[in-house]
Amino acid sequence: MVNSLKPDLIALGGDFVSMPLVGGSYEKAAVMAEPCAALLAKMNAPEGIWAVLGNHDFNTDPRHVTHALEVQGITVLANRAVAISRQGARFWLAGVNDVLSQTADVGETVRGVPENEATILLAHEPDYADFVAQYPVDLQISGHSHGGQVRVPLMPPLFLPELARKYFLGLYQVGSLTLYTNAGLGTVGLPVRLNCPPEITLITVRTPEHPG
């Protein structure tokens, strides 16, 4: 489905592995990064596939998960930014470590980015946007919430993890920062999703038009 959209660039928001509630172990969970990465590598984009790690990746073995992804050609952004040039324009794609791991550093990540150039930040936890809004970041793309996983009409989602309780799904404006939280796929805890379909988000980035 992603390939049919013909994206220029693919961004992945983390949580490539997860430990089962019963009978699981950190070691077994981390090993599942290999088949996950092999499947994700079937996606194609001329500007590549980029990722950040999520809290479940950090809770198992972040080095193992990172290695599994990068062997398949998926670049993991760990508190760093890279310049993406296309059709005469340039923006910066940045990514921070998982926030709950207390190793995210958005200040260091965007330190070398020119102030007049657009920056897109991948950050697993969406509520981090309240902190990111203090920095020269134009768009934050997050996941983590699973969209609430179980959604009953006229009621708030029944399950929202820490740092995904404020901006849990869709498009938000946080000061001058635009935030999009993707519902992702899969589950955490109980293997149930209700009224919360998996999501692929296609984002179009354009150069601002200048008068005259």
N, C-alpha and C. Protein backbone atom coordinates (compact mmCIF):
# COMPACT_ATOMS: atom_id res chain seq x y z
N MET A 1 0.83 -1.21 0.00
CA MET A 1 0.00 0.00 0.00
C MET A 1 0.87 1.26 0.00
N VAL A 2 1.95 1.25 0.76
CA VAL A 2 2.85 2.40 0.79
C VAL A 2 3.47 2.62 -0.59
N ASN A 3 3.94 1.57 -1.21
CA ASN A 3 4.57 1.71 -2.53
C ASN A 3 3.60 2.26 -3.56
N SER A 4 2.32 1.93 -3.44
CA SER A 4 1.34 2.42 -4.41
C SER A 4 1.16 3.93 -4.31
N LEU A 5 1.51 4.52 -3.18
CA LEU A 5 1.42 5.97 -3.02
C LEU A 5 2.60 6.70 -3.66
N LYS A 6 3.65 5.95 -4.02
CA LYS A 6 4.86 6.50 -4.64
C LYS A 6 5.45 7.65 -3.82
N PRO A 7 5.74 7.41 -2.55
CA PRO A 7 6.28 8.49 -1.71
C PRO A 7 7.71 8.84 -2.09
N ASP A 8 8.11 10.08 -1.87
CA ASP A 8 9.49 10.50 -2.05
C ASP A 8 10.37 10.03 -0.90
N LEU A 9 9.76 9.93 0.29
CA LEU A 9 10.50 9.57 1.50
C LEU A 9 9.55 8.85 2.44
N ILE A 10 10.05 7.88 3.17
CA ILE A 10 9.24 7.12 4.12
C ILE A 10 9.78 7.34 5.52
N ALA A 11 8.91 7.69 6.45
CA ALA A 11 9.29 7.92 7.84
C ALA A 11 8.57 6.92 8.74
N LEU A 12 9.31 6.28 9.62
CA LEU A 12 8.77 5.28 10.53
C LEU A 12 8.94 5.76 11.97
N GLY A 13 7.87 5.67 12.75
CA GLY A 13 7.85 6.31 14.06
C GLY A 13 8.22 5.47 15.25
N GLY A 14 8.70 4.24 15.03
CA GLY A 14 9.19 3.46 16.16
C GLY A 14 8.25 2.37 16.65
N ASP A 15 8.71 1.64 17.65
CA ASP A 15 8.06 0.44 18.19
C ASP A 15 7.99 -0.65 17.13
N PHE A 16 9.15 -1.16 16.78
CA PHE A 16 9.25 -2.24 15.80
C PHE A 16 9.11 -3.60 16.47
N VAL A 17 9.33 -3.66 17.77
CA VAL A 17 9.18 -4.89 18.53
C VAL A 17 8.38 -4.59 19.79
N SER A 18 7.84 -5.63 20.41
CA SER A 18 7.11 -5.46 21.66
C SER A 18 7.11 -6.80 22.40
N MET A 19 7.25 -6.75 23.71
CA MET A 19 7.29 -7.98 24.50
C MET A 19 5.89 -8.41 24.87
N PRO A 20 5.53 -9.69 24.65
CA PRO A 20 4.19 -10.17 25.02
C PRO A 20 3.96 -10.05 26.52
N LEU A 21 2.67 -9.98 26.90
CA LEU A 21 2.34 -9.90 28.31
C LEU A 21 2.71 -11.17 29.06
N VAL A 22 2.59 -12.32 28.37
CA VAL A 22 2.83 -13.61 29.02
C VAL A 22 3.90 -14.38 28.24
N GLY A 23 4.87 -14.92 28.95
CA GLY A 23 5.84 -15.81 28.33
C GLY A 23 6.87 -15.13 27.45
N GLY A 24 6.99 -13.82 27.57
CA GLY A 24 7.94 -13.11 26.73
C GLY A 24 9.23 -12.81 27.46
N SER A 25 10.22 -12.38 26.72
CA SER A 25 11.48 -11.94 27.30
C SER A 25 12.04 -10.83 26.43
N TYR A 26 12.89 -9.99 27.00
CA TYR A 26 13.50 -8.91 26.24
C TYR A 26 14.30 -9.45 25.07
N GLU A 27 15.01 -10.56 25.28
CA GLU A 27 15.85 -11.12 24.22
C GLU A 27 15.01 -11.61 23.06
N LYS A 28 13.94 -12.35 23.35
CA LYS A 28 13.08 -12.86 22.28
C LYS A 28 12.40 -11.73 21.53
N ALA A 29 11.99 -10.70 22.25
CA ALA A 29 11.33 -9.57 21.60
C ALA A 29 12.28 -8.87 20.64
N ALA A 30 13.52 -8.65 21.06
CA ALA A 30 14.48 -7.95 20.22
C ALA A 30 14.78 -8.71 18.94
N VAL A 31 14.80 -10.03 19.01
CA VAL A 31 15.10 -10.85 17.83
C VAL A 31 14.05 -10.66 16.74
N MET A 32 12.83 -10.28 17.13
CA MET A 32 11.77 -10.07 16.14
C MET A 32 12.02 -8.83 15.28
N ALA A 33 13.05 -8.07 15.61
CA ALA A 33 13.37 -6.90 14.78
C ALA A 33 13.81 -7.32 13.39
N GLU A 34 14.46 -8.48 13.26
CA GLU A 34 14.94 -8.91 11.93
C GLU A 34 13.81 -9.14 10.93
N PRO A 35 12.81 -9.99 11.25
CA PRO A 35 11.72 -10.15 10.27
C PRO A 35 10.92 -8.88 10.05
N CYS A 36 10.80 -8.06 11.09
CA CYS A 36 10.10 -6.78 10.92
C CYS A 36 10.84 -5.89 9.94
N ALA A 37 12.15 -5.76 10.11
CA ALA A 37 12.95 -4.91 9.23
C ALA A 37 12.94 -5.42 7.80
N ALA A 38 12.98 -6.75 7.63
CA ALA A 38 12.96 -7.32 6.29
C ALA A 38 11.66 -6.99 5.57
N LEU A 39 10.56 -6.98 6.31
CA LEU A 39 9.26 -6.64 5.71
C LEU A 39 9.20 -5.15 5.36
N LEU A 40 9.68 -4.31 6.27
CA LEU A 40 9.65 -2.86 6.03
C LEU A 40 10.54 -2.48 4.86
N ALA A 41 11.62 -3.22 4.65
CA ALA A 41 12.56 -2.91 3.57
C ALA A 41 11.95 -3.13 2.19
N LYS A 42 10.79 -3.76 2.12
CA LYS A 42 10.12 -3.95 0.82
C LYS A 42 9.47 -2.66 0.34
N MET A 43 9.40 -1.66 1.21
CA MET A 43 8.90 -0.35 0.78
C MET A 43 10.01 0.38 0.04
N ASN A 44 9.61 1.26 -0.87
CA ASN A 44 10.58 1.98 -1.70
C ASN A 44 10.28 3.46 -1.75
N ALA A 45 11.34 4.26 -1.67
CA ALA A 45 11.22 5.71 -1.84
C ALA A 45 12.58 6.24 -2.27
N PRO A 46 12.62 7.15 -3.25
CA PRO A 46 13.92 7.63 -3.75
C PRO A 46 14.77 8.32 -2.69
N GLU A 47 14.14 8.94 -1.69
CA GLU A 47 14.90 9.60 -0.63
C GLU A 47 15.10 8.70 0.59
N GLY A 48 14.73 7.44 0.45
CA GLY A 48 15.05 6.46 1.48
C GLY A 48 13.98 6.27 2.55
N ILE A 49 14.27 5.31 3.44
CA ILE A 49 13.41 5.00 4.58
C ILE A 49 14.16 5.41 5.85
N TRP A 50 13.50 6.20 6.68
CA TRP A 50 14.11 6.75 7.89
C TRP A 50 13.26 6.37 9.10
N ALA A 51 13.90 6.24 10.24
CA ALA A 51 13.18 5.77 11.42
C ALA A 51 13.74 6.38 12.69
N VAL A 52 12.91 6.37 13.73
CA VAL A 52 13.36 6.58 15.10
C VAL A 52 12.87 5.37 15.90
N LEU A 53 13.49 5.14 17.04
CA LEU A 53 13.09 4.04 17.90
C LEU A 53 12.01 4.50 18.88
N GLY A 54 11.17 3.55 19.31
CA GLY A 54 10.14 3.82 20.29
C GLY A 54 10.49 3.25 21.65
N ASN A 55 9.58 3.42 22.60
CA ASN A 55 9.86 2.96 23.96
C ASN A 55 9.99 1.45 24.05
N HIS A 56 9.25 0.70 23.24
CA HIS A 56 9.39 -0.75 23.28
C HIS A 56 10.72 -1.20 22.70
N ASP A 57 11.22 -0.50 21.71
CA ASP A 57 12.54 -0.81 21.16
C ASP A 57 13.62 -0.56 22.22
N PHE A 58 13.47 0.54 22.95
CA PHE A 58 14.45 0.86 24.00
C PHE A 58 14.32 -0.09 25.19
N ASN A 59 13.11 -0.56 25.47
CA ASN A 59 12.91 -1.46 26.61
C ASN A 59 13.44 -2.87 26.35
N THR A 60 13.69 -3.20 25.08
CA THR A 60 14.24 -4.52 24.77
C THR A 60 15.74 -4.40 24.56
N ASP A 61 16.15 -4.06 23.33
CA ASP A 61 17.58 -3.92 23.03
C ASP A 61 17.73 -2.93 21.88
N PRO A 62 17.89 -1.65 22.18
CA PRO A 62 17.91 -0.65 21.11
C PRO A 62 19.04 -0.84 20.11
N ARG A 63 20.19 -1.33 20.55
CA ARG A 63 21.29 -1.56 19.62
C ARG A 63 20.94 -2.66 18.63
N HIS A 64 20.31 -3.71 19.13
CA HIS A 64 19.92 -4.82 18.25
C HIS A 64 18.88 -4.37 17.24
N VAL A 65 17.88 -3.63 17.71
CA VAL A 65 16.82 -3.15 16.80
C VAL A 65 17.41 -2.21 15.76
N THR A 66 18.28 -1.30 16.19
CA THR A 66 18.92 -0.37 15.24
C THR A 66 19.71 -1.13 14.20
N HIS A 67 20.49 -2.11 14.61
CA HIS A 67 21.30 -2.88 13.67
C HIS A 67 20.41 -3.62 12.66
N ALA A 68 19.33 -4.22 13.15
CA ALA A 68 18.43 -4.96 12.25
C ALA A 68 17.84 -4.04 11.19
N LEU A 69 17.48 -2.83 11.57
CA LEU A 69 16.91 -1.88 10.61
C LEU A 69 17.97 -1.40 9.61
N GLU A 70 19.14 -1.05 10.10
CA GLU A 70 20.14 -0.47 9.23
C GLU A 70 20.75 -1.50 8.28
N VAL A 71 20.79 -2.76 8.67
CA VAL A 71 21.22 -3.81 7.75
C VAL A 71 20.31 -3.86 6.53
N GLN A 72 19.04 -3.53 6.72
CA GLN A 72 18.06 -3.55 5.64
C GLN A 72 17.98 -2.20 4.91
N GLY A 73 18.88 -1.29 5.21
CA GLY A 73 18.90 0.00 4.52
C GLY A 73 17.98 1.04 5.09
N ILE A 74 17.47 0.82 6.30
CA ILE A 74 16.60 1.79 6.98
C ILE A 74 17.46 2.57 7.96
N THR A 75 17.58 3.87 7.77
CA THR A 75 18.45 4.70 8.60
C THR A 75 17.73 5.13 9.86
N VAL A 76 18.35 4.89 11.00
CA VAL A 76 17.79 5.28 12.29
C VAL A 76 18.40 6.62 12.71
N LEU A 77 17.55 7.60 12.95
CA LEU A 77 18.00 8.91 13.38
C LEU A 77 17.97 8.95 14.91
N ALA A 78 19.13 9.01 15.52
CA ALA A 78 19.27 9.02 16.97
C ALA A 78 19.84 10.38 17.39
N ASN A 79 18.97 11.32 17.68
CA ASN A 79 19.37 12.68 18.06
C ASN A 79 20.27 13.32 17.00
N ARG A 80 19.83 13.24 15.75
CA ARG A 80 20.58 13.89 14.69
C ARG A 80 19.64 14.30 13.56
N ALA A 81 20.14 15.20 12.72
CA ALA A 81 19.38 15.71 11.58
C ALA A 81 20.20 15.59 10.31
N VAL A 82 19.52 15.34 9.20
CA VAL A 82 20.17 15.25 7.89
C VAL A 82 19.44 16.16 6.91
N ALA A 83 20.18 16.69 5.95
CA ALA A 83 19.59 17.57 4.93
C ALA A 83 19.04 16.72 3.80
N ILE A 84 17.83 17.02 3.37
CA ILE A 84 17.17 16.35 2.25
C ILE A 84 16.96 17.40 1.16
N SER A 85 17.59 17.22 0.02
CA SER A 85 17.47 18.17 -1.09
C SER A 85 16.67 17.53 -2.22
N ARG A 86 15.73 18.31 -2.76
CA ARG A 86 14.91 17.78 -3.85
C ARG A 86 14.34 18.94 -4.66
N GLN A 87 14.50 18.87 -5.97
CA GLN A 87 13.93 19.85 -6.90
C GLN A 87 14.32 21.28 -6.51
N GLY A 88 15.57 21.47 -6.15
CA GLY A 88 16.06 22.80 -5.86
C GLY A 88 15.74 23.33 -4.49
N ALA A 89 15.05 22.55 -3.67
CA ALA A 89 14.71 22.98 -2.32
C ALA A 89 15.34 22.04 -1.30
N ARG A 90 15.44 22.49 -0.06
CA ARG A 90 16.05 21.65 0.96
C ARG A 90 15.30 21.80 2.28
N PHE A 91 15.14 20.69 2.95
CA PHE A 91 14.65 20.71 4.32
C PHE A 91 15.49 19.74 5.14
N TRP A 92 15.29 19.76 6.44
CA TRP A 92 16.06 18.91 7.34
C TRP A 92 15.13 17.88 7.97
N LEU A 93 15.54 16.63 7.91
CA LEU A 93 14.81 15.56 8.57
C LEU A 93 15.58 15.19 9.83
N ALA A 94 14.93 15.34 10.96
CA ALA A 94 15.57 15.11 12.25
C ALA A 94 14.84 14.01 13.01
N GLY A 95 15.54 13.38 13.92
CA GLY A 95 14.92 12.35 14.75
C GLY A 95 15.57 12.30 16.11
N VAL A 96 14.73 12.16 17.14
CA VAL A 96 15.25 12.07 18.50
C VAL A 96 15.07 10.66 19.04
N ASN A 97 15.92 10.31 19.99
CA ASN A 97 15.76 9.06 20.71
C ASN A 97 14.40 9.04 21.42
N ASP A 98 13.98 7.85 21.82
CA ASP A 98 12.73 7.72 22.55
C ASP A 98 12.72 8.62 23.78
N VAL A 99 11.62 9.35 23.95
CA VAL A 99 11.54 10.33 25.03
C VAL A 99 11.47 9.64 26.40
N LEU A 100 10.70 8.57 26.51
CA LEU A 100 10.56 7.88 27.79
C LEU A 100 11.87 7.26 28.27
N SER A 101 12.79 7.04 27.35
CA SER A 101 14.09 6.51 27.75
C SER A 101 14.98 7.59 28.37
N GLN A 102 14.50 8.84 28.32
CA GLN A 102 15.23 10.00 28.85
C GLN A 102 16.55 10.24 28.13
N THR A 103 16.61 9.83 26.86
CA THR A 103 17.81 10.08 26.05
C THR A 103 17.53 10.98 24.86
N ALA A 104 16.29 11.49 24.74
CA ALA A 104 15.97 12.40 23.64
C ALA A 104 16.60 13.77 23.91
N ASP A 105 17.13 14.39 22.86
CA ASP A 105 17.78 15.70 23.00
C ASP A 105 17.50 16.51 21.73
N VAL A 106 16.35 17.18 21.71
CA VAL A 106 15.98 17.92 20.51
C VAL A 106 16.89 19.12 20.30
N GLY A 107 17.39 19.72 21.37
CA GLY A 107 18.29 20.85 21.23
C GLY A 107 19.56 20.48 20.49
N GLU A 108 20.16 19.38 20.88
CA GLU A 108 21.37 18.90 20.20
C GLU A 108 21.05 18.46 18.78
N THR A 109 19.87 17.88 18.59
CA THR A 109 19.48 17.36 17.28
C THR A 109 19.42 18.45 16.22
N VAL A 110 18.88 19.61 16.58
CA VAL A 110 18.68 20.68 15.59
C VAL A 110 19.75 21.77 15.69
N ARG A 111 20.78 21.53 16.48
CA ARG A 111 21.78 22.58 16.73
C ARG A 111 22.41 23.10 15.43
N GLY A 112 22.73 22.22 14.48
CA GLY A 112 23.42 22.65 13.27
C GLY A 112 22.51 23.00 12.11
N VAL A 113 21.21 23.05 12.35
CA VAL A 113 20.25 23.34 11.28
C VAL A 113 20.09 24.85 11.11
N PRO A 114 20.28 25.39 9.89
CA PRO A 114 20.09 26.84 9.68
C PRO A 114 18.67 27.27 10.06
N GLU A 115 18.55 28.42 10.69
CA GLU A 115 17.25 28.86 11.21
C GLU A 115 16.23 29.11 10.11
N ASN A 116 16.68 29.43 8.90
CA ASN A 116 15.75 29.76 7.83
C ASN A 116 15.37 28.56 6.98
N GLU A 117 15.73 27.36 7.40
CA GLU A 117 15.39 26.15 6.64
C GLU A 117 14.42 25.29 7.42
N ALA A 118 13.49 24.68 6.69
CA ALA A 118 12.42 23.89 7.30
C ALA A 118 12.98 22.62 7.96
N THR A 119 12.37 22.26 9.09
CA THR A 119 12.79 21.07 9.82
C THR A 119 11.58 20.20 10.15
N ILE A 120 11.69 18.93 9.83
CA ILE A 120 10.68 17.93 10.18
C ILE A 120 11.31 17.00 11.21
N LEU A 121 10.65 16.81 12.33
CA LEU A 121 11.18 16.00 13.43
C LEU A 121 10.37 14.73 13.61
N LEU A 122 11.05 13.60 13.66
CA LEU A 122 10.43 12.34 14.05
C LEU A 122 10.66 12.15 15.55
N ALA A 123 9.59 12.04 16.29
CA ALA A 123 9.66 11.83 17.74
C ALA A 123 8.56 10.85 18.12
N HIS A 124 8.92 9.75 18.73
CA HIS A 124 7.95 8.68 18.97
C HIS A 124 6.74 9.15 19.78
N GLU A 125 6.98 9.86 20.86
CA GLU A 125 5.89 10.26 21.74
C GLU A 125 5.33 11.62 21.34
N PRO A 126 4.03 11.72 21.03
CA PRO A 126 3.47 12.98 20.51
C PRO A 126 3.44 14.12 21.53
N ASP A 127 3.23 13.83 22.81
CA ASP A 127 3.12 14.91 23.79
C ASP A 127 4.44 15.63 24.02
N TYR A 128 5.50 15.10 23.48
CA TYR A 128 6.81 15.79 23.49
C TYR A 128 6.72 17.11 22.74
N ALA A 129 5.67 17.27 21.94
CA ALA A 129 5.50 18.49 21.14
C ALA A 129 5.47 19.74 21.99
N ASP A 130 4.96 19.66 23.21
CA ASP A 130 4.94 20.84 24.08
C ASP A 130 6.35 21.35 24.36
N PHE A 131 7.32 20.46 24.40
CA PHE A 131 8.71 20.84 24.59
C PHE A 131 9.36 21.23 23.27
N VAL A 132 9.06 20.46 22.21
CA VAL A 132 9.64 20.73 20.89
C VAL A 132 9.25 22.10 20.37
N ALA A 133 8.05 22.58 20.75
CA ALA A 133 7.55 23.86 20.25
C ALA A 133 8.46 25.03 20.63
N GLN A 134 9.37 24.83 21.57
CA GLN A 134 10.31 25.88 21.95
C GLN A 134 11.49 25.99 20.97
N TYR A 135 11.58 25.05 20.05
CA TYR A 135 12.72 24.97 19.13
C TYR A 135 12.27 25.25 17.70
N PRO A 136 13.22 25.55 16.79
CA PRO A 136 12.86 25.86 15.40
C PRO A 136 12.53 24.60 14.59
N VAL A 137 11.43 23.96 14.96
CA VAL A 137 10.94 22.77 14.26
C VAL A 137 9.59 23.13 13.66
N ASP A 138 9.38 22.79 12.40
CA ASP A 138 8.13 23.15 11.72
C ASP A 138 7.06 22.07 11.83
N LEU A 139 7.48 20.81 11.74
CA LEU A 139 6.53 19.70 11.76
C LEU A 139 7.10 18.57 12.60
N GLN A 140 6.30 18.05 13.51
CA GLN A 140 6.67 16.85 14.27
C GLN A 140 5.75 15.72 13.86
N ILE A 141 6.33 14.55 13.59
CA ILE A 141 5.57 13.36 13.23
C ILE A 141 5.79 12.32 14.33
N SER A 142 4.70 11.81 14.90
CA SER A 142 4.79 10.90 16.03
C SER A 142 3.86 9.71 15.87
N GLY A 143 4.02 8.76 16.79
CA GLY A 143 3.17 7.57 16.83
C GLY A 143 2.79 7.30 18.28
N HIS A 144 3.16 6.11 18.77
CA HIS A 144 3.10 5.74 20.19
C HIS A 144 1.70 5.48 20.72
N SER A 145 0.72 6.23 20.30
CA SER A 145 -0.61 6.16 20.93
C SER A 145 -1.45 4.99 20.43
N HIS A 146 -1.11 4.42 19.28
CA HIS A 146 -1.96 3.44 18.59
C HIS A 146 -3.36 4.01 18.35
N GLY A 147 -3.46 5.33 18.32
CA GLY A 147 -4.75 5.97 18.10
C GLY A 147 -5.73 5.79 19.23
N GLY A 148 -5.25 5.25 20.35
CA GLY A 148 -6.15 4.95 21.47
C GLY A 148 -6.52 3.49 21.54
N GLN A 149 -6.34 2.79 20.41
CA GLN A 149 -6.51 1.32 20.31
C GLN A 149 -7.96 0.87 20.44
N VAL A 150 -8.65 1.27 21.50
CA VAL A 150 -10.07 0.94 21.67
C VAL A 150 -10.85 2.25 21.78
N ARG A 151 -11.70 2.49 20.79
CA ARG A 151 -12.41 3.78 20.73
C ARG A 151 -13.92 3.54 20.66
N VAL A 152 -14.60 4.09 21.64
CA VAL A 152 -16.06 3.99 21.73
C VAL A 152 -16.63 5.35 21.37
N PRO A 153 -17.64 5.41 20.48
CA PRO A 153 -18.21 6.70 20.08
C PRO A 153 -18.61 7.56 21.28
N LEU A 154 -18.32 8.86 21.17
CA LEU A 154 -18.66 9.87 22.17
C LEU A 154 -17.87 9.73 23.47
N MET A 155 -16.85 8.90 23.46
CA MET A 155 -16.01 8.74 24.64
C MET A 155 -14.54 8.87 24.25
N PRO A 156 -13.68 9.32 25.17
CA PRO A 156 -12.25 9.35 24.86
C PRO A 156 -11.71 7.94 24.73
N PRO A 157 -10.58 7.75 24.07
CA PRO A 157 -9.99 6.42 23.95
C PRO A 157 -9.78 5.79 25.32
N LEU A 158 -9.97 4.47 25.38
CA LEU A 158 -9.89 3.78 26.67
C LEU A 158 -8.47 3.49 27.11
N PHE A 159 -7.53 3.48 26.16
CA PHE A 159 -6.15 3.18 26.55
C PHE A 159 -5.21 4.14 25.84
N LEU A 160 -4.53 4.96 26.60
CA LEU A 160 -3.53 5.86 26.05
C LEU A 160 -2.27 5.79 26.90
N PRO A 161 -1.12 5.52 26.30
CA PRO A 161 0.11 5.41 27.08
C PRO A 161 0.63 6.78 27.50
N GLU A 162 1.57 6.76 28.42
CA GLU A 162 2.20 7.99 28.89
C GLU A 162 2.80 8.75 27.72
N LEU A 163 2.66 10.07 27.73
CA LEU A 163 3.14 10.99 26.70
C LEU A 163 2.39 10.81 25.37
N ALA A 164 1.17 10.26 25.45
CA ALA A 164 0.29 10.22 24.28
C ALA A 164 -1.16 10.45 24.71
N ARG A 165 -1.34 11.20 25.76
CA ARG A 165 -2.68 11.42 26.30
C ARG A 165 -3.27 12.76 25.90
N LYS A 166 -2.45 13.63 25.36
CA LYS A 166 -2.90 14.96 24.98
C LYS A 166 -3.09 15.09 23.48
N TYR A 167 -2.13 14.59 22.72
CA TYR A 167 -2.17 14.68 21.25
C TYR A 167 -2.15 13.26 20.68
N PHE A 168 -3.25 12.53 20.85
CA PHE A 168 -3.22 11.09 20.61
C PHE A 168 -3.54 10.66 19.18
N LEU A 169 -4.10 11.56 18.36
CA LEU A 169 -4.46 11.13 17.00
C LEU A 169 -4.72 12.34 16.11
N GLY A 170 -4.07 12.34 14.94
CA GLY A 170 -4.39 13.33 13.94
C GLY A 170 -3.53 14.58 14.00
N LEU A 171 -4.10 15.67 13.46
CA LEU A 171 -3.37 16.92 13.24
C LEU A 171 -3.62 17.90 14.38
N TYR A 172 -2.54 18.53 14.86
CA TYR A 172 -2.62 19.52 15.93
C TYR A 172 -1.72 20.70 15.59
N GLN A 173 -2.01 21.83 16.20
CA GLN A 173 -1.14 22.99 16.14
C GLN A 173 -0.71 23.33 17.56
N VAL A 174 0.58 23.26 17.81
CA VAL A 174 1.13 23.52 19.14
C VAL A 174 2.02 24.75 19.02
N GLY A 175 1.47 25.92 19.27
CA GLY A 175 2.20 27.15 18.99
C GLY A 175 2.45 27.23 17.49
N SER A 176 3.69 27.46 17.11
CA SER A 176 4.04 27.52 15.69
C SER A 176 4.38 26.14 15.12
N LEU A 177 4.35 25.11 15.96
CA LEU A 177 4.68 23.75 15.54
C LEU A 177 3.44 23.01 15.09
N THR A 178 3.53 22.37 13.91
CA THR A 178 2.48 21.47 13.45
C THR A 178 2.84 20.05 13.87
N LEU A 179 1.89 19.34 14.42
CA LEU A 179 2.10 17.97 14.90
C LEU A 179 1.11 17.03 14.22
N TYR A 180 1.62 15.88 13.76
CA TYR A 180 0.70 14.84 13.30
C TYR A 180 1.02 13.54 14.04
N THR A 181 -0.01 12.98 14.67
CA THR A 181 0.12 11.71 15.38
C THR A 181 -0.56 10.61 14.57
N ASN A 182 0.21 9.64 14.15
CA ASN A 182 -0.28 8.53 13.34
C ASN A 182 -0.78 7.40 14.23
N ALA A 183 -1.91 6.79 13.85
CA ALA A 183 -2.49 5.71 14.65
C ALA A 183 -1.70 4.41 14.54
N GLY A 184 -0.81 4.32 13.55
CA GLY A 184 0.02 3.13 13.42
C GLY A 184 -0.79 1.87 13.19
N LEU A 185 -0.19 0.74 13.58
CA LEU A 185 -0.88 -0.54 13.49
C LEU A 185 -0.45 -1.39 14.68
N GLY A 186 -1.11 -2.51 14.84
CA GLY A 186 -0.75 -3.38 15.96
C GLY A 186 -1.35 -2.90 17.27
N THR A 187 -0.93 -3.57 18.34
CA THR A 187 -1.49 -3.28 19.66
C THR A 187 -0.38 -3.37 20.71
N VAL A 188 -0.70 -2.90 21.89
CA VAL A 188 0.18 -3.10 23.05
C VAL A 188 -0.71 -3.56 24.19
N GLY A 189 -0.19 -4.47 25.02
CA GLY A 189 -1.03 -5.04 26.06
C GLY A 189 -1.99 -6.04 25.45
N LEU A 190 -3.29 -5.84 25.65
CA LEU A 190 -4.28 -6.74 25.07
C LEU A 190 -4.31 -6.58 23.55
N PRO A 191 -4.34 -7.70 22.80
CA PRO A 191 -4.31 -7.63 21.32
C PRO A 191 -5.67 -7.27 20.74
N VAL A 192 -6.13 -6.06 21.03
CA VAL A 192 -7.46 -5.63 20.60
C VAL A 192 -7.38 -4.22 20.04
N ARG A 193 -7.99 -4.01 18.86
CA ARG A 193 -8.24 -2.68 18.32
C ARG A 193 -9.72 -2.61 17.94
N LEU A 194 -10.39 -1.55 18.36
CA LEU A 194 -11.81 -1.37 18.09
C LEU A 194 -12.05 0.05 17.62
N ASN A 195 -12.69 0.18 16.45
CA ASN A 195 -12.95 1.50 15.86
C ASN A 195 -11.68 2.34 15.74
N CYS A 196 -10.59 1.68 15.48
CA CYS A 196 -9.30 2.37 15.38
C CYS A 196 -8.47 1.68 14.30
N PRO A 197 -8.83 1.89 13.03
CA PRO A 197 -8.14 1.18 11.95
C PRO A 197 -6.68 1.59 11.82
N PRO A 198 -5.83 0.68 11.34
CA PRO A 198 -4.43 1.04 11.06
C PRO A 198 -4.36 2.19 10.06
N GLU A 199 -3.25 2.90 10.10
CA GLU A 199 -3.16 4.12 9.31
C GLU A 199 -1.82 4.25 8.60
N ILE A 200 -1.88 4.66 7.33
CA ILE A 200 -0.73 5.14 6.57
C ILE A 200 -1.03 6.61 6.25
N THR A 201 -0.13 7.50 6.60
CA THR A 201 -0.36 8.93 6.39
C THR A 201 0.52 9.43 5.25
N LEU A 202 -0.08 10.07 4.27
CA LEU A 202 0.67 10.69 3.18
C LEU A 202 0.70 12.20 3.43
N ILE A 203 1.88 12.74 3.64
CA ILE A 203 2.05 14.16 3.93
C ILE A 203 2.76 14.82 2.74
N THR A 204 2.19 15.90 2.25
CA THR A 204 2.79 16.66 1.17
C THR A 204 3.42 17.93 1.73
N VAL A 205 4.71 18.11 1.47
CA VAL A 205 5.44 19.28 1.94
C VAL A 205 5.72 20.18 0.75
N ARG A 206 5.35 21.46 0.87
CA ARG A 206 5.54 22.41 -0.23
C ARG A 206 6.36 23.59 0.23
N THR A 207 7.09 24.19 -0.70
CA THR A 207 7.80 25.42 -0.43
C THR A 207 6.80 26.56 -0.29
N PRO A 208 6.89 27.40 0.74
CA PRO A 208 5.94 28.51 0.88
C PRO A 208 5.99 29.44 -0.31
N GLU A 209 4.83 29.94 -0.68
CA GLU A 209 4.76 30.89 -1.78
C GLU A 209 5.04 32.30 -1.25
N HIS A 210 5.88 33.01 -1.98
CA HIS A 210 6.22 34.38 -1.60
C HIS A 210 5.50 35.36 -2.51
N PRO A 211 4.88 36.41 -1.94
CA PRO A 211 4.18 37.38 -2.80
C PRO A 211 5.13 38.06 -3.77
N GLY A 212 4.63 38.30 -4.96
CA GLY A 212 5.43 38.97 -5.98
C GLY A 212 6.41 38.07 -6.65
